[in-house]
Amino acid sequence: MRDIRLNFINNSDDQNNSQIVIFQKNSGITPIAWQVIEHAGKGWHHPFVYSETYSLEVEDDFGNFSNMVAAEPGQQWKAIAGPTGHELVMTDEPTQRRGIEVMNDISYSPIRAHLYRSGKKVASVFLPPGGARYVFEFQPTITIAVMHNAKEGIWLPEQTEEWHEAEISLLGIVSADIVMTGGGSGDDAAPIVFTVQNISHQ
């Protein structure tokens, strides 16, 4: 699995001390703020890595957390009630989709499954007891937005008209700059725009 090296550059005139939030969308669940960039002044940059490897953990209704495990698309993981307590195990059943499937086979406790990319939480899902399951399946895209009141690793706040959002495809990219322009105040204010520059391909 390869890593993609990305570099956010603030070339904007934004004067609202905004947060730059990077996240990924997954069907049926609220996105989580994967990366939150703050206080990057004009001309400053913020490098980060988009890893294609994942880590998975689950927590139960009793405040217990599993060990973090390396997870790959095509695998199915199951939370079970073992002889010494709850366990997270990989099954022999491949998923029918190109994603990471998590199943709650505990009959009496809901769980939350947390998926991490580059060591930071990128998605989380609640699974009730008794066989509920979910497939984490991401497209090779990220969404970058300007917003306020976001916290890394936490579900995104409700979208407002102040959001400026762009979806960026990472297909075939090894490294790139994501440049933010626009902003300002009064009649001279321009829309916030994100562009991808200095792209290196596979």
N, C-alpha and C. Protein backbone atom coordinates (compact mmCIF):
# COMPACT_ATOMS: atom_id res chain seq x y z
N MET A 1 0.84 -1.19 0.00
CA MET A 1 0.00 0.00 0.00
C MET A 1 0.89 1.26 0.00
N ARG A 2 0.50 2.26 -0.78
CA ARG A 2 1.30 3.46 -0.85
C ARG A 2 0.66 4.59 -0.06
N ASP A 3 1.47 5.57 0.28
CA ASP A 3 0.98 6.79 0.91
C ASP A 3 0.97 7.92 -0.11
N ILE A 4 0.02 8.82 0.03
CA ILE A 4 -0.05 10.00 -0.82
C ILE A 4 0.33 11.21 0.03
N ARG A 5 1.31 11.95 -0.42
CA ARG A 5 1.81 13.11 0.32
C ARG A 5 1.08 14.36 -0.18
N LEU A 6 0.35 14.99 0.71
CA LEU A 6 -0.43 16.18 0.36
C LEU A 6 0.06 17.37 1.17
N ASN A 7 -0.14 18.55 0.61
CA ASN A 7 0.35 19.77 1.25
C ASN A 7 -0.68 20.89 1.06
N PHE A 8 -1.34 21.28 2.14
CA PHE A 8 -2.28 22.40 2.07
C PHE A 8 -1.50 23.70 2.12
N ILE A 9 -1.83 24.62 1.21
CA ILE A 9 -1.18 25.95 1.17
C ILE A 9 -2.27 27.01 1.24
N ASN A 10 -2.14 27.93 2.17
CA ASN A 10 -3.10 29.02 2.30
C ASN A 10 -2.59 30.25 1.56
N ASN A 11 -3.13 30.48 0.38
CA ASN A 11 -2.83 31.72 -0.37
C ASN A 11 -4.06 32.62 -0.42
N SER A 12 -4.94 32.47 0.56
CA SER A 12 -6.20 33.22 0.56
C SER A 12 -6.05 34.48 1.41
N ASP A 13 -7.09 35.32 1.32
CA ASP A 13 -7.19 36.51 2.17
C ASP A 13 -8.28 36.33 3.22
N ASP A 14 -8.56 35.07 3.57
CA ASP A 14 -9.58 34.80 4.58
C ASP A 14 -9.20 35.47 5.89
N GLN A 15 -10.13 36.21 6.48
CA GLN A 15 -9.88 36.95 7.71
C GLN A 15 -10.74 36.47 8.87
N ASN A 16 -11.33 35.30 8.72
CA ASN A 16 -12.24 34.79 9.75
C ASN A 16 -11.59 33.76 10.66
N ASN A 17 -10.26 33.59 10.53
CA ASN A 17 -9.56 32.57 11.33
C ASN A 17 -10.28 31.23 11.21
N SER A 18 -10.61 30.87 9.98
CA SER A 18 -11.42 29.67 9.72
C SER A 18 -10.60 28.40 9.93
N GLN A 19 -11.32 27.31 10.13
CA GLN A 19 -10.71 25.99 10.13
C GLN A 19 -10.77 25.41 8.72
N ILE A 20 -9.73 24.70 8.35
CA ILE A 20 -9.72 23.94 7.12
C ILE A 20 -9.89 22.48 7.53
N VAL A 21 -10.99 21.87 7.11
CA VAL A 21 -11.34 20.53 7.57
C VAL A 21 -11.35 19.59 6.38
N ILE A 22 -10.68 18.45 6.56
CA ILE A 22 -10.58 17.44 5.50
C ILE A 22 -11.27 16.18 6.01
N PHE A 23 -12.14 15.61 5.17
CA PHE A 23 -12.90 14.44 5.59
C PHE A 23 -13.23 13.59 4.38
N GLN A 24 -13.77 12.38 4.67
CA GLN A 24 -14.23 11.48 3.61
C GLN A 24 -15.66 11.06 3.89
N LYS A 25 -16.42 10.90 2.84
CA LYS A 25 -17.82 10.53 2.96
C LYS A 25 -17.98 9.03 2.79
N ASN A 26 -18.86 8.45 3.61
CA ASN A 26 -19.16 7.03 3.54
C ASN A 26 -20.66 6.87 3.66
N SER A 27 -21.22 5.98 2.92
CA SER A 27 -22.67 5.85 2.81
C SER A 27 -23.35 5.63 4.15
N GLY A 28 -24.34 6.47 4.43
CA GLY A 28 -25.22 6.24 5.57
C GLY A 28 -24.73 6.70 6.92
N ILE A 29 -23.54 7.25 7.00
CA ILE A 29 -23.02 7.72 8.29
C ILE A 29 -22.54 9.17 8.17
N THR A 30 -22.56 9.88 9.31
CA THR A 30 -22.10 11.26 9.34
C THR A 30 -20.58 11.32 9.22
N PRO A 31 -20.05 12.18 8.34
CA PRO A 31 -18.60 12.27 8.22
C PRO A 31 -17.93 12.77 9.49
N ILE A 32 -16.68 12.37 9.66
CA ILE A 32 -15.86 12.77 10.80
C ILE A 32 -14.76 13.70 10.31
N ALA A 33 -14.42 14.69 11.12
CA ALA A 33 -13.31 15.59 10.79
C ALA A 33 -12.00 14.81 10.90
N TRP A 34 -11.47 14.39 9.77
CA TRP A 34 -10.24 13.58 9.77
C TRP A 34 -9.01 14.44 10.05
N GLN A 35 -8.89 15.55 9.35
CA GLN A 35 -7.80 16.50 9.57
C GLN A 35 -8.41 17.88 9.78
N VAL A 36 -7.93 18.59 10.81
CA VAL A 36 -8.37 19.96 11.05
C VAL A 36 -7.12 20.84 11.08
N ILE A 37 -7.08 21.79 10.16
CA ILE A 37 -5.94 22.72 10.05
C ILE A 37 -6.39 24.07 10.57
N GLU A 38 -5.64 24.62 11.53
CA GLU A 38 -6.01 25.89 12.14
C GLU A 38 -4.81 26.83 12.18
N HIS A 39 -5.09 28.13 12.11
CA HIS A 39 -4.11 29.20 12.31
C HIS A 39 -3.00 29.18 11.26
N ALA A 40 -3.26 28.64 10.07
CA ALA A 40 -2.28 28.68 8.99
C ALA A 40 -2.44 30.02 8.26
N GLY A 41 -1.51 30.94 8.48
CA GLY A 41 -1.60 32.27 7.88
C GLY A 41 -1.33 32.26 6.39
N LYS A 42 -1.56 33.39 5.76
CA LYS A 42 -1.35 33.49 4.32
C LYS A 42 0.11 33.17 3.98
N GLY A 43 0.31 32.29 3.03
CA GLY A 43 1.64 31.86 2.64
C GLY A 43 2.15 30.67 3.43
N TRP A 44 1.44 30.27 4.46
CA TRP A 44 1.86 29.12 5.27
C TRP A 44 1.30 27.84 4.64
N HIS A 45 1.92 26.72 5.02
CA HIS A 45 1.47 25.44 4.48
C HIS A 45 1.41 24.40 5.58
N HIS A 46 0.68 23.32 5.30
CA HIS A 46 0.46 22.25 6.29
C HIS A 46 0.52 20.91 5.57
N PRO A 47 1.63 20.17 5.70
CA PRO A 47 1.72 18.87 5.04
C PRO A 47 0.98 17.79 5.83
N PHE A 48 0.42 16.81 5.12
CA PHE A 48 -0.19 15.66 5.76
C PHE A 48 -0.15 14.48 4.80
N VAL A 49 -0.39 13.29 5.34
CA VAL A 49 -0.27 12.05 4.56
C VAL A 49 -1.62 11.36 4.50
N TYR A 50 -2.00 10.94 3.30
CA TYR A 50 -3.18 10.12 3.08
C TYR A 50 -2.70 8.70 2.86
N SER A 51 -2.84 7.87 3.90
CA SER A 51 -2.37 6.49 3.82
C SER A 51 -3.46 5.60 3.26
N GLU A 52 -3.06 4.59 2.52
CA GLU A 52 -4.02 3.61 2.01
C GLU A 52 -4.09 2.38 2.91
N THR A 53 -3.49 2.46 4.09
CA THR A 53 -3.65 1.41 5.08
C THR A 53 -4.54 1.93 6.21
N TYR A 54 -5.26 1.02 6.83
CA TYR A 54 -6.25 1.38 7.85
C TYR A 54 -5.95 0.66 9.16
N SER A 55 -6.45 1.24 10.25
CA SER A 55 -6.49 0.57 11.54
C SER A 55 -7.94 0.60 12.02
N LEU A 56 -8.32 -0.45 12.75
CA LEU A 56 -9.70 -0.60 13.21
C LEU A 56 -9.70 -0.90 14.70
N GLU A 57 -10.64 -0.29 15.42
CA GLU A 57 -10.90 -0.66 16.81
C GLU A 57 -12.41 -0.60 17.04
N VAL A 58 -12.87 -1.32 18.05
CA VAL A 58 -14.27 -1.23 18.44
C VAL A 58 -14.34 -0.97 19.94
N GLU A 59 -15.41 -0.29 20.33
CA GLU A 59 -15.69 -0.10 21.75
C GLU A 59 -17.07 -0.67 22.04
N ASP A 60 -17.21 -1.23 23.25
CA ASP A 60 -18.50 -1.81 23.62
C ASP A 60 -19.27 -0.86 24.51
N ASP A 61 -20.42 -1.31 24.97
CA ASP A 61 -21.31 -0.46 25.77
C ASP A 61 -20.86 -0.36 27.22
N PHE A 62 -19.74 -1.02 27.54
CA PHE A 62 -19.23 -1.01 28.91
C PHE A 62 -17.97 -0.14 29.04
N GLY A 63 -17.66 0.61 27.98
CA GLY A 63 -16.49 1.48 28.01
C GLY A 63 -15.19 0.79 27.69
N ASN A 64 -15.24 -0.43 27.16
CA ASN A 64 -14.03 -1.18 26.81
C ASN A 64 -13.69 -0.97 25.33
N PHE A 65 -12.39 -0.94 25.04
CA PHE A 65 -11.91 -0.80 23.67
C PHE A 65 -11.06 -2.00 23.29
N SER A 66 -11.22 -2.45 22.06
CA SER A 66 -10.36 -3.52 21.55
C SER A 66 -8.96 -2.96 21.27
N ASN A 67 -8.01 -3.85 21.07
CA ASN A 67 -6.72 -3.44 20.53
C ASN A 67 -6.93 -2.94 19.10
N MET A 68 -6.06 -2.02 18.66
CA MET A 68 -6.09 -1.56 17.29
C MET A 68 -5.53 -2.65 16.39
N VAL A 69 -6.23 -2.94 15.30
CA VAL A 69 -5.76 -3.97 14.37
C VAL A 69 -5.61 -3.36 12.98
N ALA A 70 -4.67 -3.89 12.21
CA ALA A 70 -4.52 -3.48 10.82
C ALA A 70 -5.62 -4.14 10.01
N ALA A 71 -6.37 -3.36 9.26
CA ALA A 71 -7.49 -3.87 8.48
C ALA A 71 -7.31 -3.50 7.02
N GLU A 72 -7.78 -4.38 6.14
CA GLU A 72 -7.65 -4.16 4.71
C GLU A 72 -8.99 -4.35 4.01
N PRO A 73 -9.21 -3.64 2.91
CA PRO A 73 -10.43 -3.88 2.12
C PRO A 73 -10.53 -5.35 1.71
N GLY A 74 -11.74 -5.88 1.78
CA GLY A 74 -11.98 -7.28 1.49
C GLY A 74 -12.06 -8.15 2.73
N GLN A 75 -11.73 -7.59 3.89
CA GLN A 75 -11.79 -8.36 5.14
C GLN A 75 -13.11 -8.13 5.86
N GLN A 76 -13.51 -9.14 6.64
CA GLN A 76 -14.64 -9.00 7.55
C GLN A 76 -14.13 -9.20 8.97
N TRP A 77 -14.50 -8.25 9.85
CA TRP A 77 -14.14 -8.32 11.26
C TRP A 77 -15.42 -8.44 12.07
N LYS A 78 -15.32 -9.21 13.17
CA LYS A 78 -16.51 -9.50 13.95
C LYS A 78 -16.22 -9.30 15.43
N ALA A 79 -17.10 -8.57 16.12
CA ALA A 79 -17.04 -8.48 17.57
C ALA A 79 -17.86 -9.62 18.14
N ILE A 80 -17.24 -10.41 19.03
CA ILE A 80 -17.91 -11.58 19.58
C ILE A 80 -17.78 -11.59 21.10
N ALA A 81 -18.63 -12.37 21.75
CA ALA A 81 -18.51 -12.61 23.18
C ALA A 81 -17.70 -13.90 23.36
N GLY A 82 -16.42 -13.75 23.70
CA GLY A 82 -15.55 -14.90 23.86
C GLY A 82 -15.57 -15.43 25.29
N PRO A 83 -14.77 -16.48 25.57
CA PRO A 83 -14.77 -17.09 26.90
C PRO A 83 -14.22 -16.17 27.99
N THR A 84 -13.39 -15.20 27.61
CA THR A 84 -12.82 -14.30 28.62
C THR A 84 -13.37 -12.88 28.49
N GLY A 85 -14.32 -12.67 27.61
CA GLY A 85 -14.87 -11.33 27.40
C GLY A 85 -15.00 -11.04 25.92
N HIS A 86 -15.20 -9.79 25.59
CA HIS A 86 -15.40 -9.43 24.19
C HIS A 86 -14.10 -9.53 23.41
N GLU A 87 -14.24 -9.93 22.14
CA GLU A 87 -13.09 -10.08 21.25
C GLU A 87 -13.42 -9.47 19.89
N LEU A 88 -12.38 -9.03 19.19
CA LEU A 88 -12.51 -8.59 17.81
C LEU A 88 -11.68 -9.54 16.96
N VAL A 89 -12.33 -10.28 16.07
CA VAL A 89 -11.64 -11.31 15.30
C VAL A 89 -11.92 -11.12 13.82
N MET A 90 -10.94 -11.50 13.01
CA MET A 90 -11.14 -11.48 11.56
C MET A 90 -11.70 -12.83 11.14
N THR A 91 -12.73 -12.82 10.32
CA THR A 91 -13.35 -14.06 9.88
C THR A 91 -12.69 -14.54 8.59
N ASP A 92 -13.08 -15.72 8.15
CA ASP A 92 -12.58 -16.26 6.88
C ASP A 92 -13.47 -15.86 5.72
N GLU A 93 -14.51 -15.08 6.00
CA GLU A 93 -15.46 -14.72 4.95
C GLU A 93 -15.05 -13.40 4.30
N PRO A 94 -14.68 -13.40 3.02
CA PRO A 94 -14.40 -12.12 2.35
C PRO A 94 -15.69 -11.34 2.14
N THR A 95 -15.59 -10.03 2.17
CA THR A 95 -16.78 -9.22 1.92
C THR A 95 -17.10 -9.25 0.43
N GLN A 96 -18.34 -8.92 0.11
CA GLN A 96 -18.77 -8.90 -1.28
C GLN A 96 -18.47 -7.55 -1.94
N ARG A 97 -17.89 -6.65 -1.17
CA ARG A 97 -17.58 -5.31 -1.70
C ARG A 97 -16.13 -5.00 -1.40
N ARG A 98 -15.61 -3.97 -2.04
CA ARG A 98 -14.22 -3.58 -1.82
C ARG A 98 -14.13 -2.66 -0.60
N GLY A 99 -14.49 -3.21 0.53
CA GLY A 99 -14.48 -2.42 1.75
C GLY A 99 -14.11 -3.30 2.94
N ILE A 100 -14.12 -2.69 4.11
CA ILE A 100 -13.85 -3.38 5.36
C ILE A 100 -15.17 -3.55 6.09
N GLU A 101 -15.60 -4.78 6.26
CA GLU A 101 -16.89 -5.04 6.90
C GLU A 101 -16.69 -5.32 8.39
N VAL A 102 -17.54 -4.71 9.21
CA VAL A 102 -17.52 -4.95 10.65
C VAL A 102 -18.91 -5.44 11.06
N MET A 103 -18.93 -6.50 11.88
CA MET A 103 -20.20 -7.10 12.31
C MET A 103 -20.21 -7.19 13.83
N ASN A 104 -21.35 -6.88 14.43
CA ASN A 104 -21.51 -7.02 15.88
C ASN A 104 -22.28 -8.31 16.15
N ASP A 105 -21.54 -9.34 16.56
CA ASP A 105 -22.15 -10.64 16.85
C ASP A 105 -22.42 -10.81 18.35
N ILE A 106 -22.28 -9.73 19.12
CA ILE A 106 -22.59 -9.77 20.55
C ILE A 106 -24.09 -9.58 20.70
N SER A 107 -24.73 -10.41 21.48
CA SER A 107 -26.19 -10.40 21.55
C SER A 107 -26.75 -9.36 22.52
N TYR A 108 -25.91 -8.81 23.40
CA TYR A 108 -26.43 -7.96 24.47
C TYR A 108 -25.78 -6.58 24.54
N SER A 109 -24.81 -6.29 23.69
CA SER A 109 -24.12 -4.99 23.76
C SER A 109 -23.97 -4.38 22.38
N PRO A 110 -24.38 -3.13 22.21
CA PRO A 110 -24.03 -2.43 20.98
C PRO A 110 -22.53 -2.13 20.97
N ILE A 111 -22.01 -1.84 19.80
CA ILE A 111 -20.61 -1.43 19.69
C ILE A 111 -20.52 -0.21 18.79
N ARG A 112 -19.40 0.47 18.87
CA ARG A 112 -19.03 1.47 17.87
C ARG A 112 -17.73 1.00 17.23
N ALA A 113 -17.72 1.00 15.92
CA ALA A 113 -16.51 0.63 15.19
C ALA A 113 -15.86 1.91 14.67
N HIS A 114 -14.56 2.06 14.95
CA HIS A 114 -13.83 3.25 14.57
C HIS A 114 -12.73 2.87 13.58
N LEU A 115 -12.68 3.56 12.45
CA LEU A 115 -11.67 3.31 11.43
C LEU A 115 -10.71 4.49 11.38
N TYR A 116 -9.42 4.18 11.27
CA TYR A 116 -8.37 5.20 11.30
C TYR A 116 -7.56 5.14 10.01
N ARG A 117 -7.22 6.31 9.51
CA ARG A 117 -6.32 6.46 8.37
C ARG A 117 -5.18 7.38 8.79
N SER A 118 -3.95 6.98 8.55
CA SER A 118 -2.78 7.77 8.96
C SER A 118 -2.81 8.09 10.45
N GLY A 119 -3.34 7.15 11.24
CA GLY A 119 -3.37 7.30 12.69
C GLY A 119 -4.47 8.20 13.22
N LYS A 120 -5.35 8.71 12.35
CA LYS A 120 -6.42 9.61 12.78
C LYS A 120 -7.77 9.03 12.36
N LYS A 121 -8.76 9.21 13.23
CA LYS A 121 -10.07 8.64 12.98
C LYS A 121 -10.69 9.28 11.74
N VAL A 122 -11.13 8.41 10.82
CA VAL A 122 -11.71 8.89 9.58
C VAL A 122 -13.19 8.53 9.45
N ALA A 123 -13.65 7.53 10.24
CA ALA A 123 -15.06 7.13 10.18
C ALA A 123 -15.42 6.35 11.43
N SER A 124 -16.69 6.41 11.79
CA SER A 124 -17.18 5.71 12.97
C SER A 124 -18.64 5.33 12.74
N VAL A 125 -19.02 4.14 13.21
CA VAL A 125 -20.40 3.69 13.01
C VAL A 125 -20.89 2.97 14.26
N PHE A 126 -22.17 3.16 14.57
CA PHE A 126 -22.83 2.49 15.69
C PHE A 126 -23.49 1.23 15.17
N LEU A 127 -23.25 0.10 15.85
CA LEU A 127 -23.85 -1.17 15.45
C LEU A 127 -24.60 -1.77 16.63
N PRO A 128 -25.92 -1.89 16.54
CA PRO A 128 -26.68 -2.51 17.62
C PRO A 128 -26.34 -4.00 17.75
N PRO A 129 -26.71 -4.61 18.87
CA PRO A 129 -26.37 -6.03 19.08
C PRO A 129 -27.14 -6.96 18.15
N GLY A 130 -26.58 -8.18 18.04
CA GLY A 130 -27.34 -9.23 17.35
C GLY A 130 -27.14 -9.33 15.86
N GLY A 131 -25.95 -9.02 15.35
CA GLY A 131 -25.67 -9.26 13.94
C GLY A 131 -25.65 -8.06 13.03
N ALA A 132 -25.79 -6.86 13.55
CA ALA A 132 -25.71 -5.67 12.70
C ALA A 132 -24.33 -5.57 12.07
N ARG A 133 -24.28 -5.05 10.86
CA ARG A 133 -23.00 -4.97 10.17
C ARG A 133 -22.94 -3.71 9.32
N TYR A 134 -21.72 -3.33 8.99
CA TYR A 134 -21.52 -2.14 8.15
C TYR A 134 -20.23 -2.33 7.36
N VAL A 135 -20.19 -1.79 6.14
CA VAL A 135 -19.00 -1.86 5.31
C VAL A 135 -18.43 -0.45 5.13
N PHE A 136 -17.21 -0.25 5.62
CA PHE A 136 -16.48 0.99 5.34
C PHE A 136 -15.90 0.87 3.93
N GLU A 137 -16.32 1.75 3.05
CA GLU A 137 -15.87 1.67 1.65
C GLU A 137 -15.72 3.09 1.11
N PHE A 138 -14.48 3.50 0.91
CA PHE A 138 -14.19 4.87 0.51
C PHE A 138 -13.83 4.94 -0.97
N GLN A 139 -14.28 6.01 -1.60
CA GLN A 139 -13.79 6.35 -2.93
C GLN A 139 -12.44 7.06 -2.77
N PRO A 140 -11.59 7.07 -3.83
CA PRO A 140 -10.29 7.74 -3.72
C PRO A 140 -10.43 9.27 -3.83
N THR A 141 -11.22 9.82 -2.94
CA THR A 141 -11.44 11.27 -2.92
C THR A 141 -11.42 11.76 -1.49
N ILE A 142 -11.09 13.02 -1.33
CA ILE A 142 -11.25 13.71 -0.05
C ILE A 142 -12.09 14.95 -0.28
N THR A 143 -12.75 15.40 0.77
CA THR A 143 -13.49 16.65 0.72
C THR A 143 -12.80 17.63 1.65
N ILE A 144 -12.56 18.83 1.18
CA ILE A 144 -11.93 19.88 1.97
C ILE A 144 -12.91 21.04 2.09
N ALA A 145 -13.03 21.59 3.29
CA ALA A 145 -14.04 22.62 3.52
C ALA A 145 -13.51 23.65 4.50
N VAL A 146 -14.06 24.85 4.40
CA VAL A 146 -13.82 25.92 5.36
C VAL A 146 -15.01 25.96 6.30
N MET A 147 -14.76 25.87 7.60
CA MET A 147 -15.87 25.88 8.55
C MET A 147 -15.37 26.31 9.92
N HIS A 148 -16.25 26.25 10.89
CA HIS A 148 -15.92 26.58 12.27
C HIS A 148 -16.49 25.49 13.18
N ASN A 149 -15.92 25.40 14.38
CA ASN A 149 -16.43 24.52 15.44
C ASN A 149 -16.27 23.04 15.13
N ALA A 150 -15.33 22.68 14.27
CA ALA A 150 -15.04 21.27 14.02
C ALA A 150 -13.94 20.81 14.97
N LYS A 151 -14.01 19.55 15.37
CA LYS A 151 -12.99 18.96 16.22
C LYS A 151 -12.50 17.67 15.58
N GLU A 152 -11.20 17.52 15.51
CA GLU A 152 -10.62 16.35 14.88
C GLU A 152 -11.09 15.07 15.56
N GLY A 153 -11.51 14.10 14.76
CA GLY A 153 -11.97 12.83 15.29
C GLY A 153 -13.42 12.82 15.73
N ILE A 154 -14.13 13.94 15.53
CA ILE A 154 -15.52 14.09 15.96
C ILE A 154 -16.39 14.33 14.72
N TRP A 155 -17.66 13.92 14.81
CA TRP A 155 -18.58 14.16 13.70
C TRP A 155 -18.63 15.64 13.35
N LEU A 156 -18.81 15.93 12.08
CA LEU A 156 -18.81 17.31 11.61
C LEU A 156 -20.04 18.05 12.13
N PRO A 157 -19.88 19.36 12.38
CA PRO A 157 -21.06 20.16 12.75
C PRO A 157 -22.02 20.27 11.58
N GLU A 158 -23.22 20.70 11.87
CA GLU A 158 -24.23 20.84 10.82
C GLU A 158 -23.77 21.84 9.78
N GLN A 159 -23.98 21.52 8.51
CA GLN A 159 -23.52 22.37 7.42
C GLN A 159 -24.30 23.68 7.40
N THR A 160 -23.57 24.78 7.15
CA THR A 160 -24.18 26.11 7.05
C THR A 160 -23.81 26.73 5.70
N GLU A 161 -24.40 27.89 5.43
CA GLU A 161 -24.11 28.58 4.18
C GLU A 161 -22.67 29.09 4.13
N GLU A 162 -22.00 29.14 5.29
CA GLU A 162 -20.63 29.65 5.33
C GLU A 162 -19.62 28.61 4.86
N TRP A 163 -20.05 27.37 4.74
CA TRP A 163 -19.12 26.34 4.27
C TRP A 163 -18.69 26.62 2.83
N HIS A 164 -17.40 26.41 2.56
CA HIS A 164 -16.89 26.40 1.19
C HIS A 164 -16.24 25.04 1.02
N GLU A 165 -16.80 24.22 0.16
CA GLU A 165 -16.43 22.80 0.11
C GLU A 165 -16.01 22.41 -1.30
N ALA A 166 -15.00 21.56 -1.39
CA ALA A 166 -14.56 21.04 -2.68
C ALA A 166 -14.17 19.58 -2.52
N GLU A 167 -14.51 18.78 -3.53
CA GLU A 167 -14.13 17.37 -3.53
C GLU A 167 -12.93 17.18 -4.45
N ILE A 168 -11.93 16.46 -3.98
CA ILE A 168 -10.66 16.31 -4.70
C ILE A 168 -10.39 14.83 -4.94
N SER A 169 -10.19 14.47 -6.18
CA SER A 169 -9.85 13.10 -6.52
C SER A 169 -8.36 12.87 -6.32
N LEU A 170 -8.03 11.73 -5.70
CA LEU A 170 -6.63 11.37 -5.47
C LEU A 170 -6.21 10.22 -6.38
N LEU A 171 -7.04 9.86 -7.33
CA LEU A 171 -6.78 8.71 -8.19
C LEU A 171 -5.47 8.92 -8.97
N GLY A 172 -4.52 8.01 -8.78
CA GLY A 172 -3.26 8.06 -9.51
C GLY A 172 -2.26 9.07 -9.01
N ILE A 173 -2.57 9.77 -7.91
CA ILE A 173 -1.69 10.83 -7.41
C ILE A 173 -0.72 10.27 -6.37
N VAL A 174 0.54 10.71 -6.43
CA VAL A 174 1.54 10.36 -5.43
C VAL A 174 1.75 11.52 -4.46
N SER A 175 1.73 12.73 -4.99
CA SER A 175 1.85 13.92 -4.15
C SER A 175 1.22 15.11 -4.87
N ALA A 176 0.78 16.10 -4.08
CA ALA A 176 0.16 17.29 -4.67
C ALA A 176 0.02 18.38 -3.62
N ASP A 177 -0.09 19.61 -4.09
CA ASP A 177 -0.43 20.75 -3.24
C ASP A 177 -1.91 21.05 -3.40
N ILE A 178 -2.57 21.37 -2.29
CA ILE A 178 -3.96 21.84 -2.32
C ILE A 178 -3.93 23.30 -1.90
N VAL A 179 -4.21 24.19 -2.84
CA VAL A 179 -4.02 25.62 -2.63
C VAL A 179 -5.37 26.31 -2.46
N MET A 180 -5.49 27.07 -1.38
CA MET A 180 -6.72 27.83 -1.12
C MET A 180 -6.50 29.29 -1.47
N THR A 181 -7.39 29.84 -2.29
CA THR A 181 -7.34 31.25 -2.66
C THR A 181 -8.72 31.87 -2.42
N GLY A 182 -8.80 33.19 -2.59
CA GLY A 182 -10.05 33.91 -2.38
C GLY A 182 -10.09 34.54 -1.00
N GLY A 183 -11.29 34.82 -0.55
CA GLY A 183 -11.46 35.45 0.76
C GLY A 183 -11.38 36.96 0.68
N GLY A 184 -11.16 37.59 1.82
CA GLY A 184 -11.14 39.04 1.91
C GLY A 184 -12.38 39.54 2.62
N SER A 185 -12.58 40.84 2.56
CA SER A 185 -13.73 41.44 3.24
C SER A 185 -14.36 42.52 2.36
N GLY A 186 -15.61 42.81 2.66
CA GLY A 186 -16.32 43.88 1.95
C GLY A 186 -16.51 43.58 0.47
N ASP A 187 -16.50 44.65 -0.33
CA ASP A 187 -16.73 44.49 -1.76
C ASP A 187 -15.60 43.77 -2.47
N ASP A 188 -14.43 43.72 -1.84
CA ASP A 188 -13.28 43.07 -2.47
C ASP A 188 -13.21 41.58 -2.17
N ALA A 189 -14.14 41.06 -1.39
CA ALA A 189 -14.10 39.65 -1.03
C ALA A 189 -14.35 38.77 -2.26
N ALA A 190 -13.62 37.69 -2.34
CA ALA A 190 -13.77 36.73 -3.44
C ALA A 190 -14.13 35.37 -2.87
N PRO A 191 -14.81 34.54 -3.65
CA PRO A 191 -15.15 33.20 -3.16
C PRO A 191 -13.90 32.40 -2.82
N ILE A 192 -13.99 31.58 -1.79
CA ILE A 192 -12.91 30.67 -1.46
C ILE A 192 -12.87 29.57 -2.53
N VAL A 193 -11.68 29.29 -3.04
CA VAL A 193 -11.50 28.27 -4.08
C VAL A 193 -10.32 27.39 -3.70
N PHE A 194 -10.48 26.07 -3.91
CA PHE A 194 -9.39 25.12 -3.70
C PHE A 194 -8.96 24.57 -5.06
N THR A 195 -7.67 24.59 -5.34
CA THR A 195 -7.14 24.00 -6.57
C THR A 195 -6.01 23.05 -6.23
N VAL A 196 -5.85 22.04 -7.06
CA VAL A 196 -4.79 21.05 -6.88
C VAL A 196 -3.66 21.38 -7.85
N GLN A 197 -2.46 21.54 -7.32
CA GLN A 197 -1.32 21.97 -8.12
C GLN A 197 -0.11 21.07 -7.83
N ASN A 198 0.88 21.18 -8.69
CA ASN A 198 2.15 20.45 -8.53
C ASN A 198 1.92 18.96 -8.31
N ILE A 199 1.10 18.37 -9.16
CA ILE A 199 0.71 16.97 -9.01
C ILE A 199 1.81 16.05 -9.53
N SER A 200 2.15 15.06 -8.74
CA SER A 200 3.01 13.96 -9.18
C SER A 200 2.15 12.71 -9.29
N HIS A 201 2.24 12.03 -10.44
CA HIS A 201 1.42 10.84 -10.67
C HIS A 201 2.26 9.58 -10.46
N GLN A 202 1.55 8.47 -10.38
CA GLN A 202 2.20 7.18 -10.25
C GLN A 202 3.08 6.90 -11.46
